[in-house]
Amino acid sequence: MEAAIESRKIEIKELNKVIEELHIAKPKWFVVIDKSGIVETFMKYQGPNIWKAAPGEVTSANISKKFLVSAQYGQWLVLNFGDIPHDHVNEPIFGTDLVPWNFLDMEWVNKYPNIEEFAKVHFPDVVEANGINGRLSTKDSFKVMLIGSKNLFPTEVLKKSHVLEVVSPDEKQAWLEEQEQKKQAALESKEEEKKAEPTKESTTKTTGTATKTTATKASPTKGTMSGTGTKSTGTTTTKTATTTTKTATSTTTTASKGMSSTGTKSTVTTSSSKSAAKTTKK
């Protein structure tokens, strides 16, 4: 969802100063929200071309003609829409053939012969009636202000403009305090993020070390278990061989006692006994 365009809250006495500062920083249209109706009265003393719209007069043709004439004479064009509602979706005024988005680009407006060529196509009568030496150019001092008692202007117009709202001293103070709270909250949020970053790095490094350690331990453990198993098997074999040896020895003794006359057999049996014993030692 697109974030709302927030207006800058000012008191009426600051209007001229703020306008000049913003215009120097970046020439744009000015959208001024004025619930009290004081801005139009204030602007009359600046000598601009002021047009207060009546119901049914808010059309792209009317706005375009007033724009072209004011641009040529380099004076303020103040379009006061008051509280007149307008369906900008189904009956668009801005971003149309007669009021293109180029009108809100002051660099394009001030570059000759953009305005003249536009007027020749759409309003040739304006060039004939208002052109100087056959030319219709824009003066650098030209500025545009849209006034409304409510913020009824399309979002795209607000994006391309300096948006101001004239309020009482108390309303401005409350707004400034709110901005300070938002600023403080943003700083605290950044600080929390900075504190969280080292923790994340530490956790990552610790996890990596633990993984390596586990891998190192796993290898010797398997080897040790395998070696133990081998030794256990060897021990069992040895015991079995020892048992066999004892059995063979016992058999030899029995055979020797029963066969005193057969020395050859006794000798053979004894040799087997020794052989078995050697096997046991191995």
C-alpha atoms as a PDB file:
ATOM      1  CA  MET A   1       0.000   0.000   0.000  1.00  0.00           C
ATOM      2  CA  GLU A   2       1.338   3.428  -0.971  1.00  0.00           C
ATOM      3  CA  ALA A   3       2.255   5.740   1.894  1.00  0.00           C
ATOM      4  CA  ALA A   4       0.256   8.968   2.217  1.00  0.00           C
ATOM      5  CA  ILE A   5       1.938  12.238   1.213  1.00  0.00           C
ATOM      6  CA  GLU A   6       2.362  14.243   4.421  1.00  0.00           C
ATOM      7  CA  SER A   7       2.024  18.013   4.318  1.00  0.00           C
ATOM      8  CA  ARG A   8       4.386  20.415   6.031  1.00  0.00           C
ATOM      9  CA  LYS A   9       2.533  22.441   8.671  1.00  0.00           C
ATOM     10  CA  ILE A  10       3.220  26.187   8.703  1.00  0.00           C
ATOM     11  CA  GLU A  11       1.672  29.375  10.035  1.00  0.00           C
ATOM     12  CA  ILE A  12       0.351  31.947   7.555  1.00  0.00           C
ATOM     13  CA  LYS A  13       3.094  34.411   8.508  1.00  0.00           C
ATOM     14  CA  GLU A  14       5.704  31.892   7.325  1.00  0.00           C
ATOM     15  CA  LEU A  15       4.174  31.277   3.902  1.00  0.00           C
ATOM     16  CA  ASN A  16       6.341  33.651   1.823  1.00  0.00           C
ATOM     17  CA  LYS A  17       9.567  32.589   3.489  1.00  0.00           C
ATOM     18  CA  VAL A  18       8.855  28.860   3.147  1.00  0.00           C
ATOM     19  CA  ILE A  19       7.805  29.254  -0.491  1.00  0.00           C
ATOM     20  CA  GLU A  20      11.029  31.054  -1.384  1.00  0.00           C
ATOM     21  CA  GLU A  21      13.181  28.465   0.404  1.00  0.00           C
ATOM     22  CA  LEU A  22      11.460  25.560  -1.320  1.00  0.00           C
ATOM     23  CA  HIS A  23      11.445  27.239  -4.729  1.00  0.00           C
ATOM     24  CA  ILE A  24      15.187  27.883  -4.558  1.00  0.00           C
ATOM     25  CA  ALA A  25      15.849  24.306  -3.469  1.00  0.00           C
ATOM     26  CA  LYS A  26      13.658  22.794  -6.200  1.00  0.00           C
ATOM     27  CA  PRO A  27      11.168  24.653  -8.424  1.00  0.00           C
ATOM     28  CA  LYS A  28       7.821  22.835  -8.209  1.00  0.00           C
ATOM     29  CA  TRP A  29       4.141  23.579  -7.948  1.00  0.00           C
ATOM     30  CA  PHE A  30       2.785  24.345  -4.487  1.00  0.00           C
ATOM     31  CA  VAL A  31      -0.242  22.584  -3.062  1.00  0.00           C
ATOM     32  CA  VAL A  32      -1.576  24.455  -0.022  1.00  0.00           C
ATOM     33  CA  ILE A  33      -4.247  23.007   2.236  1.00  0.00           C
ATOM     34  CA  ASP A  34      -6.134  25.878   3.853  1.00  0.00           C
ATOM     35  CA  LYS A  35      -9.157  25.195   6.053  1.00  0.00           C
ATOM     36  CA  SER A  36      -9.556  28.834   7.099  1.00  0.00           C
ATOM     37  CA  GLY A  37      -9.570  30.438   3.640  1.00  0.00           C
ATOM     38  CA  ILE A  38      -6.886  32.922   4.654  1.00  0.00           C
ATOM     39  CA  VAL A  39      -4.304  31.940   2.006  1.00  0.00           C
ATOM     40  CA  GLU A  40      -6.207  33.428  -0.942  1.00  0.00           C
ATOM     41  CA  THR A  41      -6.537  36.745   0.888  1.00  0.00           C
ATOM     42  CA  PHE A  42      -2.830  36.656   1.756  1.00  0.00           C
ATOM     43  CA  MET A  43      -1.838  35.904  -1.854  1.00  0.00           C
ATOM     44  CA  LYS A  44      -3.856  38.828  -3.249  1.00  0.00           C
ATOM     45  CA  TYR A  45      -1.207  41.137  -1.821  1.00  0.00           C
ATOM     46  CA  GLN A  46       1.442  39.311  -3.862  1.00  0.00           C
ATOM     47  CA  GLY A  47      -0.210  40.416  -7.122  1.00  0.00           C
ATOM     48  CA  PRO A  48      -0.796  36.997  -8.664  1.00  0.00           C
ATOM     49  CA  ASN A  49      -3.343  35.814 -11.169  1.00  0.00           C
ATOM     50  CA  ILE A  50      -5.920  34.255  -8.841  1.00  0.00           C
ATOM     51  CA  TRP A  51      -8.714  32.076 -10.087  1.00  0.00           C
ATOM     52  CA  LYS A  52     -11.329  30.860  -7.623  1.00  0.00           C
ATOM     53  CA  ALA A  53     -13.137  27.973  -9.232  1.00  0.00           C
ATOM     54  CA  ALA A  54     -16.897  27.650  -9.167  1.00  0.00           C
ATOM     55  CA  PRO A  55     -18.766  24.355  -9.529  1.00  0.00           C
ATOM     56  CA  GLY A  56     -18.602  23.247 -13.158  1.00  0.00           C
ATOM     57  CA  GLU A  57     -15.557  25.405 -13.965  1.00  0.00           C
ATOM     58  CA  VAL A  58     -12.936  22.905 -12.893  1.00  0.00           C
ATOM     59  CA  THR A  59     -11.971  21.629 -16.345  1.00  0.00           C
ATOM     60  CA  SER A  60      -8.654  20.838 -17.966  1.00  0.00           C
ATOM     61  CA  ALA A  61      -9.298  23.456 -20.717  1.00  0.00           C
ATOM     62  CA  ASN A  62      -9.839  26.281 -18.217  1.00  0.00           C
ATOM     63  CA  ILE A  63      -6.775  25.372 -16.181  1.00  0.00           C
ATOM     64  CA  SER A  64      -4.579  24.968 -19.265  1.00  0.00           C
ATOM     65  CA  LYS A  65      -5.441  28.408 -20.686  1.00  0.00           C
ATOM     66  CA  LYS A  66      -4.833  30.173 -17.385  1.00  0.00           C
ATOM     67  CA  PHE A  67      -1.551  28.306 -17.030  1.00  0.00           C
ATOM     68  CA  LEU A  68      -0.274  29.369 -20.468  1.00  0.00           C
ATOM     69  CA  VAL A  69      -1.149  33.050 -20.022  1.00  0.00           C
ATOM     70  CA  SER A  70       0.382  33.270 -16.529  1.00  0.00           C
ATOM     71  CA  ALA A  71       3.542  31.468 -17.650  1.00  0.00           C
ATOM     72  CA  GLN A  72       4.090  34.028 -20.398  1.00  0.00           C
ATOM     73  CA  TYR A  73       3.820  36.990 -18.025  1.00  0.00           C
ATOM     74  CA  GLY A  74       5.874  35.320 -15.292  1.00  0.00           C
ATOM     75  CA  GLN A  75       3.407  35.828 -12.487  1.00  0.00           C
ATOM     76  CA  TRP A  76       1.889  33.600  -9.851  1.00  0.00           C
ATOM     77  CA  LEU A  77      -1.010  31.432 -10.958  1.00  0.00           C
ATOM     78  CA  VAL A  78      -3.174  30.636  -7.926  1.00  0.00           C
ATOM     79  CA  LEU A  79      -5.952  28.115  -8.573  1.00  0.00           C
ATOM     80  CA  ASN A  80      -8.304  28.003  -5.619  1.00  0.00           C
ATOM     81  CA  PHE A  81     -10.472  24.874  -5.705  1.00  0.00           C
ATOM     82  CA  GLY A  82     -11.952  25.578  -2.270  1.00  0.00           C
ATOM     83  CA  ASP A  83     -14.006  22.610  -1.141  1.00  0.00           C
ATOM     84  CA  ILE A  84     -15.323  21.749  -4.612  1.00  0.00           C
ATOM     85  CA  PRO A  85     -15.232  17.968  -4.949  1.00  0.00           C
ATOM     86  CA  HIS A  86     -13.992  16.489  -8.189  1.00  0.00           C
ATOM     87  CA  ASP A  87     -13.840  12.920  -9.467  1.00  0.00           C
ATOM     88  CA  HIS A  88     -10.216  12.826 -10.577  1.00  0.00           C
ATOM     89  CA  VAL A  89     -10.474   9.119 -11.418  1.00  0.00           C
ATOM     90  CA  ASN A  90     -13.355   9.238 -13.902  1.00  0.00           C
ATOM     91  CA  GLU A  91     -12.894  12.876 -14.968  1.00  0.00           C
ATOM     92  CA  PRO A  92      -9.144  13.482 -14.740  1.00  0.00           C
ATOM     93  CA  ILE A  93      -7.764  16.993 -15.123  1.00  0.00           C
ATOM     94  CA  PHE A  94      -4.067  16.452 -14.501  1.00  0.00           C
ATOM     95  CA  GLY A  95      -2.037  14.117 -16.672  1.00  0.00           C
ATOM     96  CA  THR A  96      -4.336  14.755 -19.657  1.00  0.00           C
ATOM     97  CA  ASP A  97      -3.689  16.169 -23.136  1.00  0.00           C
ATOM     98  CA  LEU A  98      -4.569  19.706 -22.011  1.00  0.00           C
ATOM     99  CA  VAL A  99      -2.864  19.570 -18.594  1.00  0.00           C
ATOM    100  CA  PRO A 100       0.004  17.130 -19.141  1.00  0.00           C
ATOM    101  CA  TRP A 101       2.412  16.081 -16.416  1.00  0.00           C
ATOM    102  CA  ASN A 102       5.010  18.262 -18.173  1.00  0.00           C
ATOM    103  CA  PHE A 103       3.160  21.269 -16.742  1.00  0.00           C
ATOM    104  CA  LEU A 104       4.263  20.149 -13.270  1.00  0.00           C
ATOM    105  CA  ASP A 105       7.886  19.871 -14.396  1.00  0.00           C
ATOM    106  CA  MET A 106       9.163  23.434 -14.066  1.00  0.00           C
ATOM    107  CA  GLU A 107      12.363  22.650 -15.943  1.00  0.00           C
ATOM    108  CA  TRP A 108      10.271  21.648 -18.959  1.00  0.00           C
ATOM    109  CA  VAL A 109       7.986  24.677 -18.502  1.00  0.00           C
ATOM    110  CA  ASN A 110      10.912  27.110 -18.420  1.00  0.00           C
ATOM    111  CA  LYS A 111      12.622  25.639 -21.467  1.00  0.00           C
ATOM    112  CA  TYR A 112      11.742  27.498 -24.640  1.00  0.00           C
ATOM    113  CA  PRO A 113       9.927  26.709 -26.945  1.00  0.00           C
ATOM    114  CA  ASN A 114       8.031  23.950 -25.051  1.00  0.00           C
ATOM    115  CA  ILE A 115       5.146  26.160 -23.934  1.00  0.00           C
ATOM    116  CA  GLU A 116       4.833  27.906 -27.291  1.00  0.00           C
ATOM    117  CA  GLU A 117       4.752  24.655 -29.260  1.00  0.00           C
ATOM    118  CA  PHE A 118       2.181  23.210 -26.875  1.00  0.00           C
ATOM    119  CA  ALA A 119      -0.028  26.293 -27.173  1.00  0.00           C
ATOM    120  CA  LYS A 120       0.192  26.337 -30.985  1.00  0.00           C
ATOM    121  CA  VAL A 121      -1.190  22.798 -31.082  1.00  0.00           C
ATOM    122  CA  HIS A 122      -3.968  23.123 -28.492  1.00  0.00           C
ATOM    123  CA  PHE A 123      -4.688  26.877 -28.140  1.00  0.00           C
ATOM    124  CA  PRO A 124      -3.405  28.864 -31.137  1.00  0.00           C
ATOM    125  CA  ASP A 125      -5.654  31.770 -30.155  1.00  0.00           C
ATOM    126  CA  VAL A 126      -3.742  32.140 -26.874  1.00  0.00           C
ATOM    127  CA  VAL A 127      -0.469  32.598 -28.753  1.00  0.00           C
ATOM    128  CA  GLU A 128      -1.962  35.217 -31.070  1.00  0.00           C
ATOM    129  CA  ALA A 129      -3.583  37.156 -28.219  1.00  0.00           C
ATOM    130  CA  ASN A 130      -0.783  36.962 -25.654  1.00  0.00           C
ATOM    131  CA  GLY A 131       2.433  36.274 -27.550  1.00  0.00           C
ATOM    132  CA  ILE A 132       5.166  38.925 -27.532  1.00  0.00           C
ATOM    133  CA  ASN A 133       6.770  39.352 -30.963  1.00  0.00           C
ATOM    134  CA  GLY A 134       5.133  36.126 -32.027  1.00  0.00           C
ATOM    135  CA  ARG A 135       6.669  34.213 -29.123  1.00  0.00           C
ATOM    136  CA  LEU A 136       5.134  32.653 -26.064  1.00  0.00           C
ATOM    137  CA  SER A 137       7.849  31.893 -23.517  1.00  0.00           C
ATOM    138  CA  THR A 138       7.980  31.339 -19.771  1.00  0.00           C
ATOM    139  CA  LYS A 139       9.406  33.835 -17.301  1.00  0.00           C
ATOM    140  CA  ASP A 140      11.648  32.472 -14.543  1.00  0.00           C
ATOM    141  CA  SER A 141       9.477  34.071 -11.877  1.00  0.00           C
ATOM    142  CA  PHE A 142       6.471  31.942 -12.839  1.00  0.00           C
ATOM    143  CA  LYS A 143       5.008  29.846  -9.996  1.00  0.00           C
ATOM    144  CA  VAL A 144       1.834  27.793  -9.552  1.00  0.00           C
ATOM    145  CA  MET A 145      -0.210  27.263  -6.409  1.00  0.00           C
ATOM    146  CA  LEU A 146      -3.207  24.992  -5.934  1.00  0.00           C
ATOM    147  CA  ILE A 147      -5.383  25.794  -2.907  1.00  0.00           C
ATOM    148  CA  GLY A 148      -7.939  23.478  -1.368  1.00  0.00           C
ATOM    149  CA  SER A 149      -9.796  23.430   1.930  1.00  0.00           C
ATOM    150  CA  LYS A 150      -9.128  19.702   1.980  1.00  0.00           C
ATOM    151  CA  ASN A 151      -6.523  17.506   0.409  1.00  0.00           C
ATOM    152  CA  LEU A 152      -8.631  16.527  -2.599  1.00  0.00           C
ATOM    153  CA  PHE A 153      -5.810  16.449  -5.140  1.00  0.00           C
ATOM    154  CA  PRO A 154      -4.568  13.291  -6.905  1.00  0.00           C
ATOM    155  CA  THR A 155      -1.581  11.545  -5.343  1.00  0.00           C
ATOM    156  CA  GLU A 156       0.556  12.085  -8.445  1.00  0.00           C
ATOM    157  CA  VAL A 157       0.018  15.858  -8.200  1.00  0.00           C
ATOM    158  CA  LEU A 158       1.109  15.773  -4.552  1.00  0.00           C
ATOM    159  CA  LYS A 159       4.231  13.773  -5.426  1.00  0.00           C
ATOM    160  CA  LYS A 160       5.301  16.380  -7.968  1.00  0.00           C
ATOM    161  CA  SER A 161       4.577  19.378  -5.710  1.00  0.00           C
ATOM    162  CA  HIS A 162       5.605  21.022  -2.456  1.00  0.00           C
ATOM    163  CA  VAL A 163       2.718  20.227  -0.101  1.00  0.00           C
ATOM    164  CA  LEU A 164       1.990  22.726   2.682  1.00  0.00           C
ATOM    165  CA  GLU A 165      -0.808  23.141   5.184  1.00  0.00           C
ATOM    166  CA  VAL A 166      -1.570  26.442   6.902  1.00  0.00           C
ATOM    167  CA  VAL A 167      -2.488  25.847  10.541  1.00  0.00           C
ATOM    168  CA  SER A 168      -2.764  27.692  13.846  1.00  0.00           C
ATOM    169  CA  PRO A 169       0.286  28.143  16.142  1.00  0.00           C
ATOM    170  CA  ASP A 170      -1.009  25.427  18.498  1.00  0.00           C
ATOM    171  CA  GLU A 171      -1.564  22.977  15.636  1.00  0.00           C
ATOM    172  CA  LYS A 172       1.916  23.647  14.322  1.00  0.00           C
ATOM    173  CA  GLN A 173       3.463  23.092  17.762  1.00  0.00           C
ATOM    174  CA  ALA A 174       1.630  19.791  18.130  1.00  0.00           C
ATOM    175  CA  TRP A 175       2.838  18.756  14.674  1.00  0.00           C
ATOM    176  CA  LEU A 176       6.450  19.682  15.494  1.00  0.00           C
ATOM    177  CA  GLU A 177       6.309  17.594  18.667  1.00  0.00           C
ATOM    178  CA  GLU A 178       4.894  14.693  16.689  1.00  0.00           C
ATOM    179  CA  GLN A 179       7.713  14.994  14.121  1.00  0.00           C
ATOM    180  CA  GLU A 180      10.278  15.023  16.938  1.00  0.00           C
ATOM    181  CA  GLN A 181       8.781  11.853  18.417  1.00  0.00           C
ATOM    182  CA  LYS A 182       8.904  10.158  15.017  1.00  0.00           C
ATOM    183  CA  LYS A 183      12.509  11.243  14.569  1.00  0.00           C
ATOM    184  CA  GLN A 184      13.457   9.928  18.011  1.00  0.00           C
ATOM    185  CA  ALA A 185      11.680   6.636  17.369  1.00  0.00           C
ATOM    186  CA  ALA A 186      13.541   6.262  14.065  1.00  0.00           C
ATOM    187  CA  LEU A 187      16.896   6.881  15.778  1.00  0.00           C
ATOM    188  CA  GLU A 188      16.113   4.367  18.518  1.00  0.00           C
ATOM    189  CA  SER A 189      15.100   1.821  15.904  1.00  0.00           C
ATOM    190  CA  LYS A 190      18.436   2.294  14.106  1.00  0.00           C
ATOM    191  CA  GLU A 191      20.316   1.895  17.383  1.00  0.00           C
ATOM    192  CA  GLU A 192      18.486  -1.358  18.091  1.00  0.00           C
ATOM    193  CA  GLU A 193      19.390  -2.625  14.636  1.00  0.00           C
ATOM    194  CA  LYS A 194      23.056  -1.748  15.199  1.00  0.00           C
ATOM    195  CA  LYS A 195      23.049  -3.592  18.536  1.00  0.00           C
ATOM    196  CA  ALA A 196      21.459  -6.626  16.933  1.00  0.00           C
ATOM    197  CA  GLU A 197      24.027  -6.843  14.114  1.00  0.00           C
ATOM    198  CA  PRO A 198      27.071  -7.906  16.283  1.00  0.00           C
ATOM    199  CA  THR A 199      24.887 -10.513  18.005  1.00  0.00           C
ATOM    200  CA  LYS A 200      23.955 -12.007  14.647  1.00  0.00           C
ATOM    201  CA  GLU A 201      27.611 -12.123  13.561  1.00  0.00           C
ATOM    202  CA  SER A 202      28.663 -13.726  16.861  1.00  0.00           C
ATOM    203  CA  THR A 203      25.931 -16.338  16.587  1.00  0.00           C
ATOM    204  CA  THR A 204      27.002 -17.170  13.054  1.00  0.00           C
ATOM    205  CA  LYS A 205      30.664 -17.566  14.054  1.00  0.00           C
ATOM    206  CA  THR A 206      29.781 -19.717  17.093  1.00  0.00           C
ATOM    207  CA  THR A 207      27.603 -21.985  15.005  1.00  0.00           C
ATOM    208  CA  GLY A 208      30.407 -22.452  12.499  1.00  0.00           C
ATOM    209  CA  THR A 209      32.936 -23.368  15.214  1.00  0.00           C
ATOM    210  CA  ALA A 210      30.524 -25.794  16.820  1.00  0.00           C
ATOM    211  CA  THR A 211      29.986 -27.537  13.539  1.00  0.00           C
ATOM    212  CA  LYS A 212      33.720 -27.911  12.986  1.00  0.00           C
ATOM    213  CA  THR A 213      34.250 -29.209  16.529  1.00  0.00           C
ATOM    214  CA  THR A 214      31.512 -31.771  16.119  1.00  0.00           C
ATOM    215  CA  ALA A 215      33.068 -32.986  12.906  1.00  0.00           C
ATOM    216  CA  THR A 216      36.502 -33.270  14.579  1.00  0.00           C
ATOM    217  CA  LYS A 217      35.126 -35.218  17.528  1.00  0.00           C
ATOM    218  CA  ALA A 218      33.096 -37.500  15.340  1.00  0.00           C
ATOM    219  CA  SER A 219      36.138 -38.868  13.504  1.00  0.00           C
ATOM    220  CA  PRO A 220      38.235 -39.902  16.552  1.00  0.00           C
ATOM    221  CA  THR A 221      35.162 -41.303  18.262  1.00  0.00           C
ATOM    222  CA  LYS A 222      34.446 -43.640  15.394  1.00  0.00           C
ATOM    223  CA  GLY A 223      38.100 -44.633  15.199  1.00  0.00           C
ATOM    224  CA  THR A 224      38.276 -45.350  18.923  1.00  0.00           C
ATOM    225  CA  MET A 225      35.125 -47.397  18.869  1.00  0.00           C
ATOM    226  CA  SER A 226      36.416 -49.370  15.919  1.00  0.00           C
ATOM    227  CA  GLY A 227      39.774 -49.923  17.626  1.00  0.00           C
ATOM    228  CA  THR A 228      38.071 -51.055  20.809  1.00  0.00           C
ATOM    229  CA  GLY A 229      35.967 -53.456  18.847  1.00  0.00           C
ATOM    230  CA  THR A 230      39.052 -54.897  17.229  1.00  0.00           C
ATOM    231  CA  LYS A 231      40.796 -55.300  20.555  1.00  0.00           C
ATOM    232  CA  SER A 232      37.735 -56.935  22.023  1.00  0.00           C
ATOM    233  CA  THR A 233      37.596 -59.419  19.174  1.00  0.00           C
ATOM    234  CA  GLY A 234      41.316 -60.126  19.566  1.00  0.00           C
ATOM    235  CA  THR A 235      40.859 -60.751  23.253  1.00  0.00           C
ATOM    236  CA  THR A 236      38.035 -63.157  22.634  1.00  0.00           C
ATOM    237  CA  THR A 237      40.089 -65.038  20.058  1.00  0.00           C
ATOM    238  CA  THR A 238      43.007 -65.250  22.464  1.00  0.00           C
ATOM    239  CA  LYS A 239      40.812 -66.678  25.177  1.00  0.00           C
ATOM    240  CA  THR A 240      39.406 -69.210  22.770  1.00  0.00           C
ATOM    241  CA  ALA A 241      42.878 -70.156  21.606  1.00  0.00           C
ATOM    242  CA  THR A 242      43.980 -70.522  25.233  1.00  0.00           C
ATOM    243  CA  THR A 243      41.050 -72.784  25.936  1.00  0.00           C
ATOM    244  CA  THR A 244      41.939 -74.874  22.916  1.00  0.00           C
ATOM    245  CA  THR A 245      45.531 -75.074  24.073  1.00  0.00           C
ATOM    246  CA  LYS A 246      44.491 -76.272  27.468  1.00  0.00           C
ATOM    247  CA  THR A 247      42.270 -78.853  25.883  1.00  0.00           C
ATOM    248  CA  ALA A 248      45.044 -79.967  23.579  1.00  0.00           C
ATOM    249  CA  THR A 249      47.447 -80.194  26.507  1.00  0.00           C
ATOM    250  CA  SER A 250      44.985 -82.211  28.478  1.00  0.00           C
ATOM    251  CA  THR A 251      44.489 -84.549  25.562  1.00  0.00           C
ATOM    252  CA  THR A 252      48.223 -84.910  25.155  1.00  0.00           C
ATOM    253  CA  THR A 253      48.643 -85.838  28.765  1.00  0.00           C
ATOM    254  CA  THR A 254      45.909 -88.413  28.552  1.00  0.00           C
ATOM    255  CA  ALA A 255      47.329 -89.845  25.394  1.00  0.00           C
ATOM    256  CA  SER A 256      50.783 -90.047  26.942  1.00  0.00           C
ATOM    257  CA  LYS A 257      49.513 -91.919  29.958  1.00  0.00           C
ATOM    258  CA  GLY A 258      47.539 -94.410  27.928  1.00  0.00           C
ATOM    259  CA  MET A 259      50.231 -95.109  25.349  1.00  0.00           C
ATOM    260  CA  SER A 260      53.558 -95.597  27.112  1.00  0.00           C
ATOM    261  CA  SER A 261      54.901 -98.020  24.522  1.00  0.00           C
ATOM    262  CA  THR A 262      54.241 -95.793  21.540  1.00  0.00           C
ATOM    263  CA  GLY A 263      56.807 -93.018  21.881  1.00  0.00           C
ATOM    264  CA  THR A 264      56.293 -91.786  18.384  1.00  0.00           C
ATOM    265  CA  LYS A 265      52.653 -90.960  18.944  1.00  0.00           C
ATOM    266  CA  SER A 266      53.435 -89.376  22.280  1.00  0.00           C
ATOM    267  CA  THR A 267      56.086 -87.206  20.638  1.00  0.00           C
ATOM    268  CA  VAL A 268      53.732 -86.125  17.886  1.00  0.00           C
ATOM    269  CA  THR A 269      51.033 -85.255  20.386  1.00  0.00           C
ATOM    270  CA  THR A 270      53.465 -83.196  22.418  1.00  0.00           C
ATOM    271  CA  SER A 271      54.542 -81.308  19.312  1.00  0.00           C
ATOM    272  CA  SER A 272      50.925 -80.471  18.624  1.00  0.00           C
ATOM    273  CA  SER A 273      50.636 -79.161  22.134  1.00  0.00           C
ATOM    274  CA  LYS A 274      53.620 -76.847  21.654  1.00  0.00           C
ATOM    275  CA  SER A 275      52.303 -75.711  18.353  1.00  0.00           C
ATOM    276  CA  ALA A 276      48.992 -74.839  19.909  1.00  0.00           C
ATOM    277  CA  ALA A 277      50.752 -73.008  22.673  1.00  0.00           C
ATOM    278  CA  LYS A 278      52.721 -70.962  20.171  1.00  0.00           C
ATOM    279  CA  THR A 279      49.533 -70.137  18.402  1.00  0.00           C
ATOM    280  CA  THR A 280      48.132 -68.912  21.671  1.00  0.00           C
ATOM    281  CA  LYS A 281      51.073 -66.571  22.245  1.00  0.00           C
ATOM    282  CA  LYS A 282      50.699 -65.048  18.837  1.00  0.00           C
END
